[in-house]
Amino acid sequence: MKKITIIAFTIFLFTGSLKAQDSGFGIGAIFGSPTGISAKLWINETNAIDGSVAWSFYNTGYFAVNANYLWHKFNLIPVDSGKLPLYFGVGAKIGISEFFHIGVRAPVGLDYMFSEIPLDVFVEVAPSLMLSPATAFQLDGGIGIRYFF
């Protein structure tokens, strides 16, 4: 955690002249349930594909991969600097533990995009309906940060 904080702070200091992006590709980390690597690819002005490769600290041996198609609403929450869109989407989730799990998910979140640096900070909740090997409800959630190229 300390290394990630130092890296994020260093990026913040040395990219002050760069502009924020709501386009391109971003990669970073998500902390929560589960915790792992997060990526996002903008496909137009309001839509993106994101995903994560993550693991669980409370459910030992659980590994998850998800991918989502997202819609962003930029005008709902006005901010003085940067952008703060509400986003929602639909996606798929694969979980590996004792069994192989597959399901659908519906992420909803807020994504703050800085105006002067190519970083975003986001918080999301994603209810999931696992379909195999048995039907079950799961709730993922976390906070994350991504750097955009």
N, C-alpha and C. Protein backbone atom coordinates (compact mmCIF):
# COMPACT_ATOMS: atom_id res chain seq x y z
N MET A 1 0.84 -1.19 0.00
CA MET A 1 0.00 0.00 0.00
C MET A 1 0.88 1.25 0.00
N LYS A 2 1.97 1.21 0.78
CA LYS A 2 2.85 2.36 0.85
C LYS A 2 3.50 2.64 -0.50
N LYS A 3 3.89 1.58 -1.23
CA LYS A 3 4.50 1.76 -2.54
C LYS A 3 3.52 2.39 -3.52
N ILE A 4 2.26 1.97 -3.49
CA ILE A 4 1.25 2.52 -4.39
C ILE A 4 1.03 3.99 -4.10
N THR A 5 0.99 4.36 -2.82
CA THR A 5 0.82 5.76 -2.45
C THR A 5 1.99 6.60 -2.94
N ILE A 6 3.21 6.10 -2.80
CA ILE A 6 4.40 6.83 -3.26
C ILE A 6 4.37 6.98 -4.77
N ILE A 7 4.02 5.92 -5.49
CA ILE A 7 3.95 5.98 -6.95
C ILE A 7 2.89 6.99 -7.39
N ALA A 8 1.71 6.94 -6.80
CA ALA A 8 0.64 7.87 -7.16
C ALA A 8 1.05 9.31 -6.88
N PHE A 9 1.70 9.56 -5.75
CA PHE A 9 2.15 10.90 -5.41
C PHE A 9 3.22 11.39 -6.39
N THR A 10 4.15 10.51 -6.76
CA THR A 10 5.19 10.86 -7.72
C THR A 10 4.59 11.21 -9.08
N ILE A 11 3.65 10.41 -9.53
CA ILE A 11 2.97 10.71 -10.80
C ILE A 11 2.29 12.06 -10.71
N PHE A 12 1.64 12.33 -9.58
CA PHE A 12 0.95 13.61 -9.37
C PHE A 12 1.93 14.78 -9.47
N LEU A 13 3.10 14.65 -8.86
CA LEU A 13 4.07 15.74 -8.87
C LEU A 13 4.67 16.01 -10.25
N PHE A 14 4.96 14.96 -10.99
CA PHE A 14 5.68 15.12 -12.25
C PHE A 14 4.81 15.21 -13.48
N THR A 15 3.49 15.22 -13.31
CA THR A 15 2.62 15.34 -14.48
C THR A 15 1.71 16.55 -14.36
N GLY A 16 2.13 17.56 -13.64
CA GLY A 16 1.31 18.75 -13.42
C GLY A 16 0.92 19.49 -14.67
N SER A 17 1.70 19.39 -15.74
CA SER A 17 1.38 20.11 -16.96
C SER A 17 0.48 19.32 -17.90
N LEU A 18 0.21 18.08 -17.60
CA LEU A 18 -0.65 17.26 -18.45
C LEU A 18 -2.11 17.54 -18.16
N LYS A 19 -2.94 17.31 -19.14
CA LYS A 19 -4.37 17.51 -18.98
C LYS A 19 -5.06 16.18 -18.69
N ALA A 20 -6.16 16.24 -17.97
CA ALA A 20 -6.93 15.04 -17.67
C ALA A 20 -7.53 14.49 -18.94
N GLN A 21 -7.83 13.20 -18.92
CA GLN A 21 -8.35 12.56 -20.12
C GLN A 21 -9.65 11.84 -19.81
N ASP A 22 -10.63 12.06 -20.66
CA ASP A 22 -11.80 11.19 -20.67
C ASP A 22 -11.78 10.46 -22.01
N SER A 23 -10.56 10.11 -22.40
CA SER A 23 -10.32 9.32 -23.60
C SER A 23 -9.05 8.52 -23.36
N GLY A 24 -8.78 7.58 -24.22
CA GLY A 24 -7.55 6.81 -24.11
C GLY A 24 -7.69 5.62 -23.18
N PHE A 25 -6.55 5.16 -22.70
CA PHE A 25 -6.46 3.96 -21.87
C PHE A 25 -5.87 4.30 -20.52
N GLY A 26 -6.49 3.77 -19.46
CA GLY A 26 -5.98 3.99 -18.11
C GLY A 26 -5.79 2.68 -17.38
N ILE A 27 -4.81 2.63 -16.51
CA ILE A 27 -4.57 1.44 -15.70
C ILE A 27 -4.20 1.87 -14.29
N GLY A 28 -4.62 1.08 -13.32
CA GLY A 28 -4.35 1.41 -11.92
C GLY A 28 -4.77 0.29 -11.01
N ALA A 29 -5.28 0.65 -9.85
CA ALA A 29 -5.63 -0.33 -8.84
C ALA A 29 -7.01 -0.05 -8.28
N ILE A 30 -7.66 -1.12 -7.83
CA ILE A 30 -8.93 -1.01 -7.10
C ILE A 30 -8.74 -1.72 -5.77
N PHE A 31 -9.23 -1.09 -4.70
CA PHE A 31 -9.11 -1.63 -3.35
C PHE A 31 -10.52 -1.85 -2.81
N GLY A 32 -10.79 -3.05 -2.37
CA GLY A 32 -12.10 -3.36 -1.83
C GLY A 32 -12.35 -4.84 -1.91
N SER A 33 -13.50 -5.18 -2.41
CA SER A 33 -13.89 -6.58 -2.52
C SER A 33 -14.30 -6.87 -3.95
N PRO A 34 -13.42 -7.47 -4.73
CA PRO A 34 -12.03 -7.84 -4.48
C PRO A 34 -11.06 -6.71 -4.76
N THR A 35 -9.77 -6.93 -4.49
CA THR A 35 -8.69 -5.97 -4.67
C THR A 35 -7.80 -6.41 -5.81
N GLY A 36 -7.41 -5.47 -6.70
CA GLY A 36 -6.55 -5.88 -7.80
C GLY A 36 -6.21 -4.76 -8.76
N ILE A 37 -6.00 -5.12 -10.01
CA ILE A 37 -5.62 -4.21 -11.08
C ILE A 37 -6.86 -3.83 -11.86
N SER A 38 -7.01 -2.53 -12.13
CA SER A 38 -8.16 -2.02 -12.86
C SER A 38 -7.69 -1.34 -14.14
N ALA A 39 -8.45 -1.50 -15.21
CA ALA A 39 -8.12 -0.85 -16.48
C ALA A 39 -9.40 -0.29 -17.10
N LYS A 40 -9.24 0.77 -17.91
CA LYS A 40 -10.39 1.39 -18.57
C LYS A 40 -9.97 1.89 -19.94
N LEU A 41 -10.81 1.64 -20.93
CA LEU A 41 -10.57 2.08 -22.30
C LEU A 41 -11.80 2.84 -22.78
N TRP A 42 -11.61 4.13 -23.09
CA TRP A 42 -12.70 4.95 -23.62
C TRP A 42 -12.91 4.58 -25.08
N ILE A 43 -14.19 4.39 -25.48
CA ILE A 43 -14.48 4.06 -26.88
C ILE A 43 -15.18 5.22 -27.59
N ASN A 44 -15.73 6.16 -26.84
CA ASN A 44 -16.24 7.42 -27.39
C ASN A 44 -16.36 8.41 -26.23
N GLU A 45 -17.08 9.52 -26.41
CA GLU A 45 -17.13 10.57 -25.40
C GLU A 45 -17.85 10.18 -24.10
N THR A 46 -18.76 9.22 -24.16
CA THR A 46 -19.53 8.87 -22.97
C THR A 46 -19.47 7.39 -22.60
N ASN A 47 -18.86 6.56 -23.44
CA ASN A 47 -18.85 5.12 -23.19
C ASN A 47 -17.43 4.59 -23.06
N ALA A 48 -17.29 3.60 -22.19
CA ALA A 48 -15.98 2.98 -21.98
C ALA A 48 -16.17 1.50 -21.66
N ILE A 49 -15.09 0.79 -21.79
CA ILE A 49 -15.02 -0.60 -21.35
C ILE A 49 -14.01 -0.63 -20.22
N ASP A 50 -14.39 -1.24 -19.11
CA ASP A 50 -13.42 -1.38 -18.02
C ASP A 50 -13.43 -2.80 -17.51
N GLY A 51 -12.44 -3.10 -16.73
CA GLY A 51 -12.33 -4.44 -16.18
C GLY A 51 -11.30 -4.49 -15.08
N SER A 52 -11.26 -5.64 -14.44
CA SER A 52 -10.27 -5.82 -13.39
C SER A 52 -9.87 -7.29 -13.29
N VAL A 53 -8.68 -7.47 -12.78
CA VAL A 53 -8.16 -8.78 -12.39
C VAL A 53 -7.86 -8.63 -10.92
N ALA A 54 -8.53 -9.43 -10.10
CA ALA A 54 -8.48 -9.16 -8.67
C ALA A 54 -8.54 -10.43 -7.83
N TRP A 55 -8.26 -10.27 -6.56
CA TRP A 55 -8.29 -11.38 -5.61
C TRP A 55 -8.96 -10.90 -4.34
N SER A 56 -9.29 -11.85 -3.48
CA SER A 56 -9.99 -11.52 -2.25
C SER A 56 -9.10 -11.79 -1.04
N PHE A 57 -9.08 -10.86 -0.09
CA PHE A 57 -8.33 -11.05 1.14
C PHE A 57 -9.15 -11.78 2.20
N TYR A 58 -10.48 -11.70 2.12
CA TYR A 58 -11.30 -12.36 3.13
C TYR A 58 -11.76 -13.74 2.69
N ASN A 59 -11.77 -14.04 1.41
CA ASN A 59 -12.15 -15.35 0.89
C ASN A 59 -10.90 -15.96 0.27
N THR A 60 -10.08 -16.59 1.08
CA THR A 60 -8.78 -17.09 0.66
C THR A 60 -8.87 -17.94 -0.59
N GLY A 61 -8.02 -17.62 -1.55
CA GLY A 61 -7.97 -18.39 -2.78
C GLY A 61 -8.96 -17.95 -3.84
N TYR A 62 -9.71 -16.86 -3.62
CA TYR A 62 -10.69 -16.41 -4.61
C TYR A 62 -10.03 -15.41 -5.56
N PHE A 63 -10.16 -15.68 -6.84
CA PHE A 63 -9.59 -14.87 -7.90
C PHE A 63 -10.74 -14.49 -8.84
N ALA A 64 -10.82 -13.22 -9.25
CA ALA A 64 -11.94 -12.78 -10.08
C ALA A 64 -11.44 -11.95 -11.27
N VAL A 65 -12.14 -12.08 -12.38
CA VAL A 65 -11.90 -11.27 -13.57
C VAL A 65 -13.26 -10.74 -14.00
N ASN A 66 -13.33 -9.44 -14.29
CA ASN A 66 -14.59 -8.90 -14.78
C ASN A 66 -14.33 -7.91 -15.90
N ALA A 67 -15.36 -7.74 -16.74
CA ALA A 67 -15.33 -6.77 -17.83
C ALA A 67 -16.70 -6.13 -17.93
N ASN A 68 -16.75 -4.82 -18.15
CA ASN A 68 -18.01 -4.08 -18.15
C ASN A 68 -18.07 -3.09 -19.31
N TYR A 69 -19.26 -2.87 -19.81
CA TYR A 69 -19.53 -1.78 -20.74
C TYR A 69 -20.20 -0.68 -19.93
N LEU A 70 -19.66 0.56 -19.99
CA LEU A 70 -20.13 1.64 -19.12
C LEU A 70 -20.67 2.83 -19.90
N TRP A 71 -21.71 3.45 -19.33
CA TRP A 71 -22.27 4.71 -19.81
C TRP A 71 -21.98 5.75 -18.74
N HIS A 72 -21.53 6.95 -19.15
CA HIS A 72 -21.20 8.03 -18.22
C HIS A 72 -22.14 9.21 -18.43
N LYS A 73 -22.63 9.76 -17.32
CA LYS A 73 -23.48 10.95 -17.33
C LYS A 73 -22.67 12.08 -16.69
N PHE A 74 -22.17 13.00 -17.52
CA PHE A 74 -21.25 14.04 -17.06
C PHE A 74 -21.94 15.25 -16.44
N ASN A 75 -23.17 15.52 -16.73
CA ASN A 75 -23.81 16.76 -16.29
C ASN A 75 -24.65 16.64 -15.02
N LEU A 76 -24.68 15.49 -14.40
CA LEU A 76 -25.52 15.32 -13.21
C LEU A 76 -24.96 15.97 -11.95
N ILE A 77 -23.63 15.96 -11.79
CA ILE A 77 -23.00 16.50 -10.59
C ILE A 77 -21.98 17.57 -11.01
N PRO A 78 -22.32 18.85 -10.86
CA PRO A 78 -21.37 19.90 -11.25
C PRO A 78 -20.22 20.00 -10.24
N VAL A 79 -19.02 20.21 -10.76
CA VAL A 79 -17.84 20.43 -9.92
C VAL A 79 -17.08 21.64 -10.47
N ASP A 80 -16.33 22.33 -9.59
CA ASP A 80 -15.58 23.52 -9.98
C ASP A 80 -14.39 23.20 -10.88
N SER A 81 -13.77 22.07 -10.64
CA SER A 81 -12.58 21.69 -11.39
C SER A 81 -12.67 20.20 -11.73
N GLY A 82 -12.24 19.82 -12.92
CA GLY A 82 -12.30 18.43 -13.31
C GLY A 82 -13.70 18.03 -13.74
N LYS A 83 -13.95 16.74 -13.72
CA LYS A 83 -15.26 16.18 -14.08
C LYS A 83 -15.63 15.10 -13.08
N LEU A 84 -16.92 14.95 -12.83
CA LEU A 84 -17.40 13.94 -11.90
C LEU A 84 -18.64 13.25 -12.48
N PRO A 85 -18.42 12.34 -13.43
CA PRO A 85 -19.58 11.66 -13.98
C PRO A 85 -20.06 10.50 -13.10
N LEU A 86 -21.37 10.31 -13.13
CA LEU A 86 -21.98 9.10 -12.61
C LEU A 86 -21.90 8.09 -13.75
N TYR A 87 -21.54 6.85 -13.45
CA TYR A 87 -21.52 5.84 -14.50
C TYR A 87 -22.28 4.60 -14.06
N PHE A 88 -22.76 3.88 -15.03
CA PHE A 88 -23.45 2.62 -14.79
C PHE A 88 -23.19 1.72 -15.98
N GLY A 89 -23.37 0.43 -15.79
CA GLY A 89 -23.07 -0.47 -16.89
C GLY A 89 -23.56 -1.88 -16.66
N VAL A 90 -23.13 -2.73 -17.56
CA VAL A 90 -23.45 -4.16 -17.51
C VAL A 90 -22.19 -4.92 -17.90
N GLY A 91 -21.99 -6.06 -17.29
CA GLY A 91 -20.78 -6.80 -17.58
C GLY A 91 -20.86 -8.25 -17.18
N ALA A 92 -19.72 -8.90 -17.27
CA ALA A 92 -19.59 -10.31 -16.93
C ALA A 92 -18.50 -10.46 -15.87
N LYS A 93 -18.65 -11.52 -15.08
CA LYS A 93 -17.70 -11.80 -14.01
C LYS A 93 -17.38 -13.29 -14.01
N ILE A 94 -16.11 -13.57 -13.86
CA ILE A 94 -15.65 -14.95 -13.70
C ILE A 94 -14.91 -15.02 -12.38
N GLY A 95 -15.26 -15.99 -11.55
CA GLY A 95 -14.60 -16.19 -10.27
C GLY A 95 -14.03 -17.59 -10.20
N ILE A 96 -12.86 -17.69 -9.60
CA ILE A 96 -12.21 -18.99 -9.45
C ILE A 96 -11.84 -19.16 -7.99
N SER A 97 -12.36 -20.23 -7.40
CA SER A 97 -12.01 -20.61 -6.04
C SER A 97 -12.04 -22.14 -6.02
N GLU A 98 -12.84 -22.73 -5.14
CA GLU A 98 -13.03 -24.17 -5.17
C GLU A 98 -13.72 -24.59 -6.46
N PHE A 99 -14.57 -23.69 -6.96
CA PHE A 99 -15.33 -23.92 -8.18
C PHE A 99 -15.09 -22.78 -9.15
N PHE A 100 -15.47 -23.00 -10.40
CA PHE A 100 -15.44 -21.98 -11.42
C PHE A 100 -16.80 -21.30 -11.43
N HIS A 101 -16.85 -19.99 -11.22
CA HIS A 101 -18.10 -19.23 -11.16
C HIS A 101 -18.19 -18.31 -12.37
N ILE A 102 -19.39 -18.12 -12.90
CA ILE A 102 -19.61 -17.17 -13.97
C ILE A 102 -20.92 -16.46 -13.71
N GLY A 103 -20.97 -15.16 -14.00
CA GLY A 103 -22.19 -14.41 -13.74
C GLY A 103 -22.22 -13.08 -14.47
N VAL A 104 -23.27 -12.33 -14.21
CA VAL A 104 -23.45 -10.99 -14.78
C VAL A 104 -23.37 -9.98 -13.65
N ARG A 105 -22.97 -8.76 -13.99
CA ARG A 105 -22.84 -7.72 -12.97
C ARG A 105 -23.34 -6.40 -13.51
N ALA A 106 -23.69 -5.49 -12.59
CA ALA A 106 -24.22 -4.17 -12.96
C ALA A 106 -23.52 -3.10 -12.12
N PRO A 107 -22.34 -2.64 -12.55
CA PRO A 107 -21.62 -1.63 -11.77
C PRO A 107 -22.27 -0.25 -11.84
N VAL A 108 -22.19 0.47 -10.73
CA VAL A 108 -22.64 1.85 -10.62
C VAL A 108 -21.59 2.58 -9.80
N GLY A 109 -21.18 3.78 -10.27
CA GLY A 109 -20.15 4.47 -9.52
C GLY A 109 -20.00 5.94 -9.88
N LEU A 110 -19.06 6.57 -9.20
CA LEU A 110 -18.67 7.95 -9.47
C LEU A 110 -17.19 7.93 -9.84
N ASP A 111 -16.82 8.76 -10.83
CA ASP A 111 -15.46 8.76 -11.35
C ASP A 111 -14.97 10.21 -11.44
N TYR A 112 -14.13 10.62 -10.49
CA TYR A 112 -13.60 11.99 -10.53
C TYR A 112 -12.39 12.02 -11.44
N MET A 113 -12.44 12.91 -12.46
CA MET A 113 -11.35 13.08 -13.41
C MET A 113 -10.71 14.44 -13.16
N PHE A 114 -9.46 14.44 -12.78
CA PHE A 114 -8.75 15.67 -12.49
C PHE A 114 -8.60 16.51 -13.76
N SER A 115 -8.58 17.82 -13.59
CA SER A 115 -8.49 18.71 -14.76
C SER A 115 -7.05 18.91 -15.22
N GLU A 116 -6.07 18.75 -14.35
CA GLU A 116 -4.68 19.06 -14.69
C GLU A 116 -3.78 17.85 -14.83
N ILE A 117 -4.21 16.69 -14.41
CA ILE A 117 -3.37 15.50 -14.48
C ILE A 117 -4.18 14.33 -15.03
N PRO A 118 -3.55 13.38 -15.69
CA PRO A 118 -4.28 12.27 -16.31
C PRO A 118 -4.60 11.14 -15.33
N LEU A 119 -5.24 11.49 -14.24
CA LEU A 119 -5.65 10.52 -13.22
C LEU A 119 -7.15 10.59 -13.03
N ASP A 120 -7.74 9.44 -12.70
CA ASP A 120 -9.10 9.45 -12.19
C ASP A 120 -9.13 8.66 -10.89
N VAL A 121 -10.06 9.03 -10.04
CA VAL A 121 -10.31 8.34 -8.78
C VAL A 121 -11.77 7.95 -8.81
N PHE A 122 -12.06 6.70 -8.51
CA PHE A 122 -13.43 6.24 -8.64
C PHE A 122 -13.86 5.41 -7.44
N VAL A 123 -15.15 5.36 -7.25
CA VAL A 123 -15.77 4.50 -6.25
C VAL A 123 -16.93 3.82 -6.94
N GLU A 124 -17.08 2.50 -6.72
CA GLU A 124 -18.16 1.79 -7.38
C GLU A 124 -18.69 0.66 -6.53
N VAL A 125 -19.94 0.33 -6.81
CA VAL A 125 -20.62 -0.83 -6.25
C VAL A 125 -21.13 -1.64 -7.43
N ALA A 126 -20.97 -2.96 -7.36
CA ALA A 126 -21.38 -3.80 -8.48
C ALA A 126 -22.10 -5.05 -7.99
N PRO A 127 -23.44 -5.00 -7.95
CA PRO A 127 -24.17 -6.23 -7.64
C PRO A 127 -23.99 -7.23 -8.77
N SER A 128 -23.85 -8.50 -8.41
CA SER A 128 -23.63 -9.56 -9.39
C SER A 128 -24.58 -10.71 -9.13
N LEU A 129 -25.02 -11.32 -10.22
CA LEU A 129 -25.81 -12.54 -10.13
C LEU A 129 -24.98 -13.65 -10.73
N MET A 130 -24.47 -14.52 -9.88
CA MET A 130 -23.66 -15.64 -10.34
C MET A 130 -24.62 -16.72 -10.85
N LEU A 131 -24.30 -17.30 -11.99
CA LEU A 131 -25.19 -18.25 -12.65
C LEU A 131 -24.70 -19.69 -12.59
N SER A 132 -23.41 -19.88 -12.36
CA SER A 132 -22.88 -21.22 -12.34
C SER A 132 -21.75 -21.28 -11.32
N PRO A 133 -21.60 -22.30 -10.55
CA PRO A 133 -22.28 -23.58 -10.59
C PRO A 133 -23.67 -23.55 -9.94
N ALA A 134 -23.97 -22.47 -9.22
CA ALA A 134 -25.30 -22.31 -8.63
C ALA A 134 -25.65 -20.83 -8.68
N THR A 135 -26.91 -20.50 -8.65
CA THR A 135 -27.35 -19.12 -8.65
C THR A 135 -27.08 -18.51 -7.27
N ALA A 136 -26.40 -17.38 -7.26
CA ALA A 136 -26.08 -16.71 -6.00
C ALA A 136 -25.89 -15.22 -6.27
N PHE A 137 -26.21 -14.40 -5.27
CA PHE A 137 -26.03 -12.96 -5.34
C PHE A 137 -24.69 -12.60 -4.70
N GLN A 138 -23.94 -11.70 -5.34
CA GLN A 138 -22.70 -11.19 -4.76
C GLN A 138 -22.71 -9.67 -4.89
N LEU A 139 -21.99 -9.02 -4.01
CA LEU A 139 -21.88 -7.57 -4.06
C LEU A 139 -20.40 -7.20 -3.99
N ASP A 140 -19.89 -6.64 -5.08
CA ASP A 140 -18.51 -6.15 -5.12
C ASP A 140 -18.53 -4.65 -4.91
N GLY A 141 -17.44 -4.12 -4.43
CA GLY A 141 -17.34 -2.68 -4.28
C GLY A 141 -15.92 -2.28 -3.97
N GLY A 142 -15.59 -1.04 -4.32
CA GLY A 142 -14.24 -0.60 -4.03
C GLY A 142 -14.01 0.84 -4.43
N ILE A 143 -12.80 1.27 -4.14
CA ILE A 143 -12.33 2.60 -4.52
C ILE A 143 -11.03 2.38 -5.27
N GLY A 144 -10.81 3.20 -6.29
CA GLY A 144 -9.62 2.97 -7.10
C GLY A 144 -9.05 4.23 -7.72
N ILE A 145 -7.92 4.06 -8.38
CA ILE A 145 -7.23 5.14 -9.05
C ILE A 145 -6.61 4.57 -10.33
N ARG A 146 -6.64 5.37 -11.40
CA ARG A 146 -6.05 4.95 -12.67
C ARG A 146 -5.27 6.10 -13.29
N TYR A 147 -4.20 5.77 -13.97
CA TYR A 147 -3.40 6.73 -14.72
C TYR A 147 -3.70 6.52 -16.20
N PHE A 148 -3.97 7.62 -16.94
CA PHE A 148 -4.35 7.52 -18.35
C PHE A 148 -3.20 7.91 -19.25
N PHE A 149 -3.04 7.14 -20.32
CA PHE A 149 -1.98 7.36 -21.31
C PHE A 149 -2.55 8.00 -22.57
